[in-house]
Amino acid sequence: MSLFTIARIYLLISFLLLGCSNKMGFSPLTKQEAKTINSWQISPVFPCGIYILKGRLIESDGLYKIILREKTPTQLEFVLLGGSLDQRFSRLNTNVVVKVYNPALIEDRSNPSVYVKEYLQYEPEVPDYEIKEKKACKLSGEFVTPR
């Protein structure tokens, strides 16, 4: 038996042993690993619900936006609707944490809009975004303007 054949058999056995082991990368992803991968994809999907967003509050083209993961390949922007003008102006061009309501499924980056529920105390360890409560996709009564 040639040295080349022995090396091929050794590699095959090593691959089979490692592939059958749960300690290597062949085991299914844990829920946390899957959540992390989903959150860092280029355009994550945002189902309807209440979210906590952390980012930089800016004004651009007359719209107030929060930028998540600023200056990274996975940067996200949300147009902020509603909320207190005083709080918005006092936090402009700073890092903020804001609780928002998303009334419609967001699947792409074409100016997604969310409604401000409240501004929270800024804490660096807060994730970029986190869903707090899933809700039905419809505009909540608290954000509808009376006629």
N, C-alpha and C. Protein backbone atom coordinates (compact mmCIF):
# COMPACT_ATOMS: atom_id res chain seq x y z
N MET A 1 0.85 -1.17 0.00
CA MET A 1 0.00 0.00 0.00
C MET A 1 0.90 1.24 0.00
N SER A 2 0.60 2.18 -0.87
CA SER A 2 1.45 3.37 -1.00
C SER A 2 1.17 4.35 0.14
N LEU A 3 2.11 5.21 0.34
CA LEU A 3 1.99 6.25 1.37
C LEU A 3 0.81 7.17 1.06
N PHE A 4 0.58 7.46 -0.21
CA PHE A 4 -0.52 8.31 -0.63
C PHE A 4 -1.87 7.68 -0.25
N THR A 5 -2.03 6.38 -0.46
CA THR A 5 -3.27 5.67 -0.13
C THR A 5 -3.49 5.67 1.38
N ILE A 6 -2.44 5.46 2.14
CA ILE A 6 -2.55 5.48 3.61
C ILE A 6 -2.99 6.86 4.08
N ALA A 7 -2.43 7.90 3.50
CA ALA A 7 -2.80 9.27 3.88
C ALA A 7 -4.27 9.54 3.56
N ARG A 8 -4.75 9.06 2.41
CA ARG A 8 -6.16 9.25 2.04
C ARG A 8 -7.08 8.53 3.01
N ILE A 9 -6.72 7.31 3.39
CA ILE A 9 -7.54 6.55 4.35
C ILE A 9 -7.55 7.25 5.70
N TYR A 10 -6.40 7.74 6.13
CA TYR A 10 -6.31 8.47 7.40
C TYR A 10 -7.21 9.71 7.38
N LEU A 11 -7.15 10.47 6.30
CA LEU A 11 -7.98 11.67 6.18
C LEU A 11 -9.47 11.32 6.18
N LEU A 12 -9.84 10.25 5.49
CA LEU A 12 -11.24 9.82 5.45
C LEU A 12 -11.73 9.42 6.84
N ILE A 13 -10.94 8.66 7.56
CA ILE A 13 -11.31 8.25 8.92
C ILE A 13 -11.41 9.46 9.84
N SER A 14 -10.46 10.37 9.73
CA SER A 14 -10.48 11.59 10.56
C SER A 14 -11.73 12.41 10.28
N PHE A 15 -12.06 12.56 9.01
CA PHE A 15 -13.24 13.32 8.63
C PHE A 15 -14.51 12.67 9.18
N LEU A 16 -14.60 11.35 9.08
CA LEU A 16 -15.79 10.65 9.59
C LEU A 16 -15.90 10.78 11.10
N LEU A 17 -14.78 10.65 11.80
CA LEU A 17 -14.81 10.78 13.26
C LEU A 17 -15.20 12.19 13.68
N LEU A 18 -14.63 13.19 13.04
CA LEU A 18 -14.95 14.57 13.39
C LEU A 18 -16.36 14.94 12.97
N GLY A 19 -16.79 14.44 11.83
CA GLY A 19 -18.13 14.76 11.34
C GLY A 19 -19.23 14.16 12.19
N CYS A 20 -18.96 13.07 12.84
CA CYS A 20 -19.97 12.43 13.69
C CYS A 20 -19.95 12.99 15.11
N SER A 21 -18.99 13.81 15.41
CA SER A 21 -18.87 14.38 16.75
C SER A 21 -19.70 15.65 16.87
N ASN A 22 -20.43 15.82 17.96
CA ASN A 22 -21.20 17.04 18.21
C ASN A 22 -20.32 18.20 18.62
N LYS A 23 -19.05 17.94 18.93
CA LYS A 23 -18.16 19.00 19.36
C LYS A 23 -17.64 19.82 18.18
N MET A 24 -17.76 19.31 16.98
CA MET A 24 -17.30 20.04 15.80
C MET A 24 -18.48 20.78 15.18
N GLY A 25 -18.23 21.49 14.10
CA GLY A 25 -19.24 22.34 13.48
C GLY A 25 -20.31 21.62 12.69
N PHE A 26 -20.47 20.33 12.86
CA PHE A 26 -21.45 19.58 12.10
C PHE A 26 -22.77 19.44 12.84
N SER A 27 -22.85 19.90 14.06
CA SER A 27 -24.09 19.79 14.81
C SER A 27 -25.02 20.94 14.43
N PRO A 28 -26.33 20.79 14.64
CA PRO A 28 -27.26 21.87 14.32
C PRO A 28 -26.96 23.12 15.16
N LEU A 29 -27.33 24.28 14.62
CA LEU A 29 -27.12 25.54 15.35
C LEU A 29 -28.02 25.61 16.57
N THR A 30 -27.50 26.21 17.62
CA THR A 30 -28.36 26.48 18.78
C THR A 30 -29.27 27.64 18.43
N LYS A 31 -30.31 27.87 19.23
CA LYS A 31 -31.24 28.98 18.98
C LYS A 31 -30.50 30.31 19.01
N GLN A 32 -29.57 30.47 19.95
CA GLN A 32 -28.83 31.73 20.06
C GLN A 32 -27.94 31.95 18.84
N GLU A 33 -27.28 30.88 18.35
CA GLU A 33 -26.45 31.01 17.15
C GLU A 33 -27.29 31.40 15.94
N ALA A 34 -28.44 30.77 15.79
CA ALA A 34 -29.33 31.10 14.67
C ALA A 34 -29.83 32.54 14.77
N LYS A 35 -30.17 32.98 15.99
CA LYS A 35 -30.65 34.36 16.19
C LYS A 35 -29.55 35.36 15.84
N THR A 36 -28.31 35.06 16.24
CA THR A 36 -27.19 35.95 15.95
C THR A 36 -26.95 36.04 14.45
N ILE A 37 -26.98 34.91 13.76
CA ILE A 37 -26.78 34.91 12.31
C ILE A 37 -27.88 35.71 11.63
N ASN A 38 -29.15 35.52 12.04
CA ASN A 38 -30.26 36.26 11.45
C ASN A 38 -30.13 37.75 11.70
N SER A 39 -29.69 38.15 12.88
CA SER A 39 -29.62 39.57 13.20
C SER A 39 -28.51 40.29 12.45
N TRP A 40 -27.50 39.58 11.98
CA TRP A 40 -26.40 40.23 11.27
C TRP A 40 -26.46 40.02 9.77
N GLN A 41 -27.54 39.45 9.24
CA GLN A 41 -27.63 39.35 7.79
C GLN A 41 -27.81 40.73 7.19
N ILE A 42 -27.58 40.87 5.90
CA ILE A 42 -27.57 42.18 5.25
C ILE A 42 -28.90 42.90 5.43
N SER A 43 -30.01 42.26 5.18
CA SER A 43 -31.33 42.87 5.37
C SER A 43 -32.18 41.95 6.22
N PRO A 44 -32.08 42.06 7.54
CA PRO A 44 -32.89 41.20 8.38
C PRO A 44 -34.38 41.52 8.21
N VAL A 45 -35.22 40.55 8.49
CA VAL A 45 -36.67 40.71 8.42
C VAL A 45 -37.16 41.14 9.79
N PHE A 46 -38.04 42.16 9.81
CA PHE A 46 -38.60 42.66 11.05
C PHE A 46 -40.10 42.42 11.05
N PRO A 47 -40.59 41.40 11.78
CA PRO A 47 -42.03 41.20 11.86
C PRO A 47 -42.68 42.32 12.67
N CYS A 48 -43.99 42.41 12.59
CA CYS A 48 -44.73 43.46 13.32
C CYS A 48 -44.57 43.27 14.82
N GLY A 49 -44.49 44.39 15.54
CA GLY A 49 -44.39 44.31 16.99
C GLY A 49 -43.70 45.50 17.61
N ILE A 50 -43.39 45.35 18.89
CA ILE A 50 -42.71 46.37 19.68
C ILE A 50 -41.22 46.02 19.71
N TYR A 51 -40.37 47.00 19.42
CA TYR A 51 -38.93 46.80 19.37
C TYR A 51 -38.21 47.82 20.25
N ILE A 52 -37.01 47.44 20.67
CA ILE A 52 -36.06 48.37 21.27
C ILE A 52 -34.95 48.52 20.23
N LEU A 53 -34.69 49.77 19.80
CA LEU A 53 -33.65 50.05 18.82
C LEU A 53 -32.56 50.90 19.47
N LYS A 54 -31.31 50.63 19.13
CA LYS A 54 -30.19 51.43 19.63
C LYS A 54 -29.39 51.92 18.43
N GLY A 55 -29.18 53.24 18.38
CA GLY A 55 -28.42 53.78 17.27
C GLY A 55 -28.26 55.28 17.39
N ARG A 56 -27.89 55.90 16.29
CA ARG A 56 -27.67 57.35 16.25
C ARG A 56 -28.89 58.02 15.64
N LEU A 57 -29.41 59.05 16.32
CA LEU A 57 -30.58 59.80 15.85
C LEU A 57 -30.10 60.95 14.97
N ILE A 58 -30.57 60.99 13.73
CA ILE A 58 -30.17 62.04 12.80
C ILE A 58 -31.40 62.64 12.11
N GLU A 59 -31.19 63.79 11.47
CA GLU A 59 -32.21 64.39 10.61
C GLU A 59 -31.63 64.38 9.21
N SER A 60 -32.38 63.84 8.26
CA SER A 60 -31.92 63.74 6.88
C SER A 60 -33.10 63.95 5.94
N ASP A 61 -33.00 64.94 5.07
CA ASP A 61 -34.06 65.25 4.10
C ASP A 61 -35.41 65.49 4.78
N GLY A 62 -35.39 66.13 5.93
CA GLY A 62 -36.62 66.42 6.64
C GLY A 62 -37.20 65.25 7.42
N LEU A 63 -36.52 64.12 7.42
CA LEU A 63 -36.98 62.94 8.15
C LEU A 63 -36.04 62.69 9.32
N TYR A 64 -36.61 62.22 10.42
CA TYR A 64 -35.80 61.83 11.57
C TYR A 64 -35.59 60.34 11.49
N LYS A 65 -34.32 59.95 11.55
CA LYS A 65 -33.97 58.54 11.38
C LYS A 65 -33.08 58.08 12.52
N ILE A 66 -33.17 56.79 12.79
CA ILE A 66 -32.22 56.16 13.69
C ILE A 66 -31.37 55.22 12.84
N ILE A 67 -30.05 55.35 12.98
CA ILE A 67 -29.12 54.52 12.22
C ILE A 67 -28.53 53.48 13.17
N LEU A 68 -28.75 52.21 12.86
CA LEU A 68 -28.19 51.11 13.63
C LEU A 68 -26.93 50.62 12.94
N ARG A 69 -25.92 50.25 13.71
CA ARG A 69 -24.65 49.74 13.18
C ARG A 69 -24.04 50.71 12.17
N GLU A 70 -23.96 51.97 12.56
CA GLU A 70 -23.48 53.01 11.66
C GLU A 70 -22.08 52.70 11.14
N LYS A 71 -21.88 52.96 9.86
CA LYS A 71 -20.59 52.79 9.16
C LYS A 71 -20.11 51.35 9.15
N THR A 72 -21.05 50.41 9.07
CA THR A 72 -20.71 49.00 8.90
C THR A 72 -21.42 48.49 7.65
N PRO A 73 -21.02 47.35 7.11
CA PRO A 73 -21.71 46.80 5.94
C PRO A 73 -23.17 46.44 6.22
N THR A 74 -23.52 46.25 7.48
CA THR A 74 -24.89 45.86 7.83
C THR A 74 -25.67 47.02 8.44
N GLN A 75 -25.32 48.25 8.07
CA GLN A 75 -26.01 49.43 8.59
C GLN A 75 -27.50 49.39 8.23
N LEU A 76 -28.34 49.77 9.18
CA LEU A 76 -29.79 49.83 8.98
C LEU A 76 -30.29 51.21 9.38
N GLU A 77 -31.29 51.71 8.67
CA GLU A 77 -31.91 52.99 9.00
C GLU A 77 -33.41 52.80 9.12
N PHE A 78 -34.00 53.45 10.11
CA PHE A 78 -35.44 53.46 10.29
C PHE A 78 -35.91 54.90 10.38
N VAL A 79 -36.98 55.24 9.66
CA VAL A 79 -37.60 56.56 9.78
C VAL A 79 -38.46 56.53 11.03
N LEU A 80 -38.25 57.51 11.92
CA LEU A 80 -39.01 57.58 13.17
C LEU A 80 -40.21 58.51 12.99
N LEU A 81 -41.39 58.00 13.24
CA LEU A 81 -42.62 58.78 13.15
C LEU A 81 -43.18 58.98 14.56
N GLY A 82 -43.79 60.13 14.80
CA GLY A 82 -44.42 60.39 16.10
C GLY A 82 -43.39 60.64 17.19
N GLY A 83 -43.86 60.61 18.41
CA GLY A 83 -42.99 60.85 19.55
C GLY A 83 -42.91 62.32 19.90
N SER A 84 -42.33 62.61 21.03
CA SER A 84 -42.20 63.98 21.53
C SER A 84 -41.15 64.76 20.74
N LEU A 85 -41.54 65.95 20.24
CA LEU A 85 -40.59 66.80 19.52
C LEU A 85 -39.45 67.26 20.43
N ASP A 86 -39.78 67.62 21.67
CA ASP A 86 -38.74 68.06 22.61
C ASP A 86 -37.69 66.98 22.82
N GLN A 87 -38.14 65.75 23.04
CA GLN A 87 -37.19 64.65 23.25
C GLN A 87 -36.38 64.38 21.99
N ARG A 88 -37.03 64.48 20.84
CA ARG A 88 -36.33 64.24 19.57
C ARG A 88 -35.24 65.29 19.36
N PHE A 89 -35.57 66.57 19.55
CA PHE A 89 -34.59 67.64 19.34
C PHE A 89 -33.45 67.56 20.34
N SER A 90 -33.74 67.23 21.59
CA SER A 90 -32.69 67.19 22.60
C SER A 90 -31.72 66.02 22.38
N ARG A 91 -32.15 65.01 21.64
CA ARG A 91 -31.31 63.83 21.41
C ARG A 91 -30.72 63.79 20.00
N LEU A 92 -31.01 64.78 19.18
CA LEU A 92 -30.55 64.80 17.79
C LEU A 92 -29.03 64.71 17.71
N ASN A 93 -28.54 63.88 16.81
CA ASN A 93 -27.10 63.64 16.58
C ASN A 93 -26.40 63.01 17.77
N THR A 94 -27.13 62.23 18.55
CA THR A 94 -26.54 61.49 19.66
C THR A 94 -26.97 60.03 19.55
N ASN A 95 -26.33 59.18 20.33
CA ASN A 95 -26.74 57.78 20.41
C ASN A 95 -27.95 57.68 21.31
N VAL A 96 -28.95 56.91 20.86
CA VAL A 96 -30.20 56.79 21.60
C VAL A 96 -30.65 55.34 21.67
N VAL A 97 -31.51 55.08 22.64
CA VAL A 97 -32.25 53.83 22.72
C VAL A 97 -33.72 54.23 22.71
N VAL A 98 -34.48 53.66 21.79
CA VAL A 98 -35.86 54.06 21.63
C VAL A 98 -36.76 52.82 21.50
N LYS A 99 -37.91 52.89 22.14
CA LYS A 99 -38.91 51.83 22.05
C LYS A 99 -39.87 52.24 20.94
N VAL A 100 -40.05 51.35 19.95
CA VAL A 100 -40.86 51.69 18.78
C VAL A 100 -41.89 50.60 18.49
N TYR A 101 -42.89 51.00 17.71
CA TYR A 101 -43.93 50.08 17.24
C TYR A 101 -43.78 49.94 15.73
N ASN A 102 -43.67 48.72 15.25
CA ASN A 102 -43.57 48.43 13.82
C ASN A 102 -44.89 47.82 13.37
N PRO A 103 -45.73 48.58 12.61
CA PRO A 103 -47.05 48.07 12.23
C PRO A 103 -47.07 47.22 10.97
N ALA A 104 -45.96 47.14 10.22
CA ALA A 104 -45.94 46.40 8.96
C ALA A 104 -44.64 45.62 8.83
N LEU A 105 -44.73 44.44 8.22
CA LEU A 105 -43.55 43.60 8.01
C LEU A 105 -42.50 44.36 7.21
N ILE A 106 -41.27 44.40 7.70
CA ILE A 106 -40.17 45.07 7.01
C ILE A 106 -39.23 43.98 6.48
N GLU A 107 -39.11 43.92 5.15
CA GLU A 107 -38.27 42.90 4.52
C GLU A 107 -37.13 43.48 3.71
N ASP A 108 -37.09 44.80 3.53
CA ASP A 108 -36.01 45.40 2.76
C ASP A 108 -35.63 46.74 3.38
N ARG A 109 -34.70 47.43 2.74
CA ARG A 109 -34.15 48.67 3.31
C ARG A 109 -34.77 49.93 2.71
N SER A 110 -35.89 49.85 2.03
CA SER A 110 -36.46 51.03 1.37
C SER A 110 -37.26 51.88 2.36
N ASN A 111 -36.54 52.70 3.14
CA ASN A 111 -37.13 53.62 4.13
C ASN A 111 -38.17 52.99 5.05
N PRO A 112 -37.81 51.98 5.80
CA PRO A 112 -38.78 51.41 6.74
C PRO A 112 -39.14 52.43 7.82
N SER A 113 -40.42 52.52 8.14
CA SER A 113 -40.90 53.48 9.14
C SER A 113 -41.39 52.75 10.38
N VAL A 114 -41.11 53.34 11.53
CA VAL A 114 -41.60 52.82 12.81
C VAL A 114 -42.12 54.00 13.63
N TYR A 115 -43.01 53.72 14.56
CA TYR A 115 -43.60 54.75 15.41
C TYR A 115 -42.94 54.75 16.78
N VAL A 116 -42.53 55.92 17.24
CA VAL A 116 -41.87 56.06 18.54
C VAL A 116 -42.89 55.91 19.65
N LYS A 117 -42.61 55.01 20.58
CA LYS A 117 -43.43 54.90 21.79
C LYS A 117 -42.79 55.72 22.91
N GLU A 118 -41.47 55.56 23.09
CA GLU A 118 -40.77 56.35 24.10
C GLU A 118 -39.26 56.24 23.91
N TYR A 119 -38.57 57.28 24.36
CA TYR A 119 -37.11 57.26 24.39
C TYR A 119 -36.69 56.71 25.75
N LEU A 120 -35.69 55.84 25.74
CA LEU A 120 -35.22 55.19 26.96
C LEU A 120 -33.82 55.69 27.31
N GLN A 121 -33.39 55.39 28.51
CA GLN A 121 -32.03 55.72 28.95
C GLN A 121 -31.03 54.97 28.08
N TYR A 122 -30.03 55.67 27.54
CA TYR A 122 -29.03 55.03 26.68
C TYR A 122 -28.11 54.16 27.52
N GLU A 123 -27.93 52.92 27.07
CA GLU A 123 -27.01 51.98 27.70
C GLU A 123 -26.26 51.26 26.59
N PRO A 124 -24.93 51.31 26.58
CA PRO A 124 -24.15 50.71 25.50
C PRO A 124 -24.36 49.21 25.33
N GLU A 125 -24.69 48.50 26.41
CA GLU A 125 -24.81 47.04 26.31
C GLU A 125 -26.13 46.58 25.71
N VAL A 126 -27.05 47.50 25.45
CA VAL A 126 -28.32 47.14 24.81
C VAL A 126 -28.02 46.68 23.38
N PRO A 127 -28.65 45.57 22.91
CA PRO A 127 -28.41 45.13 21.53
C PRO A 127 -28.89 46.18 20.52
N ASP A 128 -28.40 46.09 19.27
CA ASP A 128 -28.80 47.05 18.23
C ASP A 128 -30.31 47.07 18.04
N TYR A 129 -30.92 45.91 18.07
CA TYR A 129 -32.37 45.84 18.05
C TYR A 129 -32.81 44.55 18.71
N GLU A 130 -33.99 44.62 19.29
CA GLU A 130 -34.53 43.45 19.99
C GLU A 130 -36.04 43.56 19.96
N ILE A 131 -36.70 42.48 19.56
CA ILE A 131 -38.16 42.50 19.58
C ILE A 131 -38.63 42.20 21.00
N LYS A 132 -39.53 43.03 21.50
CA LYS A 132 -40.04 42.86 22.86
C LYS A 132 -41.37 42.13 22.86
N GLU A 133 -42.18 42.38 21.82
CA GLU A 133 -43.51 41.76 21.77
C GLU A 133 -43.98 41.71 20.32
N LYS A 134 -44.32 40.52 19.85
CA LYS A 134 -44.88 40.41 18.50
C LYS A 134 -46.34 40.82 18.54
N LYS A 135 -46.77 41.52 17.49
CA LYS A 135 -48.16 41.99 17.40
C LYS A 135 -48.67 41.74 15.99
N ALA A 136 -50.00 41.83 15.85
CA ALA A 136 -50.62 41.71 14.53
C ALA A 136 -50.19 42.89 13.67
N CYS A 137 -50.10 42.67 12.37
CA CYS A 137 -49.69 43.73 11.45
C CYS A 137 -50.87 44.66 11.14
N LYS A 138 -50.97 45.70 11.91
CA LYS A 138 -51.99 46.74 11.68
C LYS A 138 -51.56 47.97 12.47
N LEU A 139 -52.05 49.11 12.04
CA LEU A 139 -51.71 50.35 12.73
C LEU A 139 -52.49 50.42 14.03
N SER A 140 -51.77 50.52 15.13
CA SER A 140 -52.39 50.59 16.46
C SER A 140 -53.17 51.88 16.61
N GLY A 141 -54.27 51.83 17.35
CA GLY A 141 -55.13 52.99 17.57
C GLY A 141 -54.41 54.17 18.18
N GLU A 142 -53.38 53.95 18.97
CA GLU A 142 -52.68 55.06 19.61
C GLU A 142 -51.90 55.91 18.61
N PHE A 143 -51.68 55.42 17.39
CA PHE A 143 -50.94 56.17 16.39
C PHE A 143 -51.82 56.73 15.28
N VAL A 144 -53.12 56.44 15.30
CA VAL A 144 -54.04 56.93 14.28
C VAL A 144 -54.50 58.33 14.67
N THR A 145 -54.42 59.27 13.72
CA THR A 145 -54.84 60.65 13.98
C THR A 145 -56.37 60.72 13.93
N PRO A 146 -57.01 61.28 14.98
CA PRO A 146 -58.47 61.39 14.96
C PRO A 146 -58.92 62.36 13.86
N ARG A 147 -60.07 62.09 13.26
CA ARG A 147 -60.60 62.95 12.18
C ARG A 147 -61.78 63.74 12.66
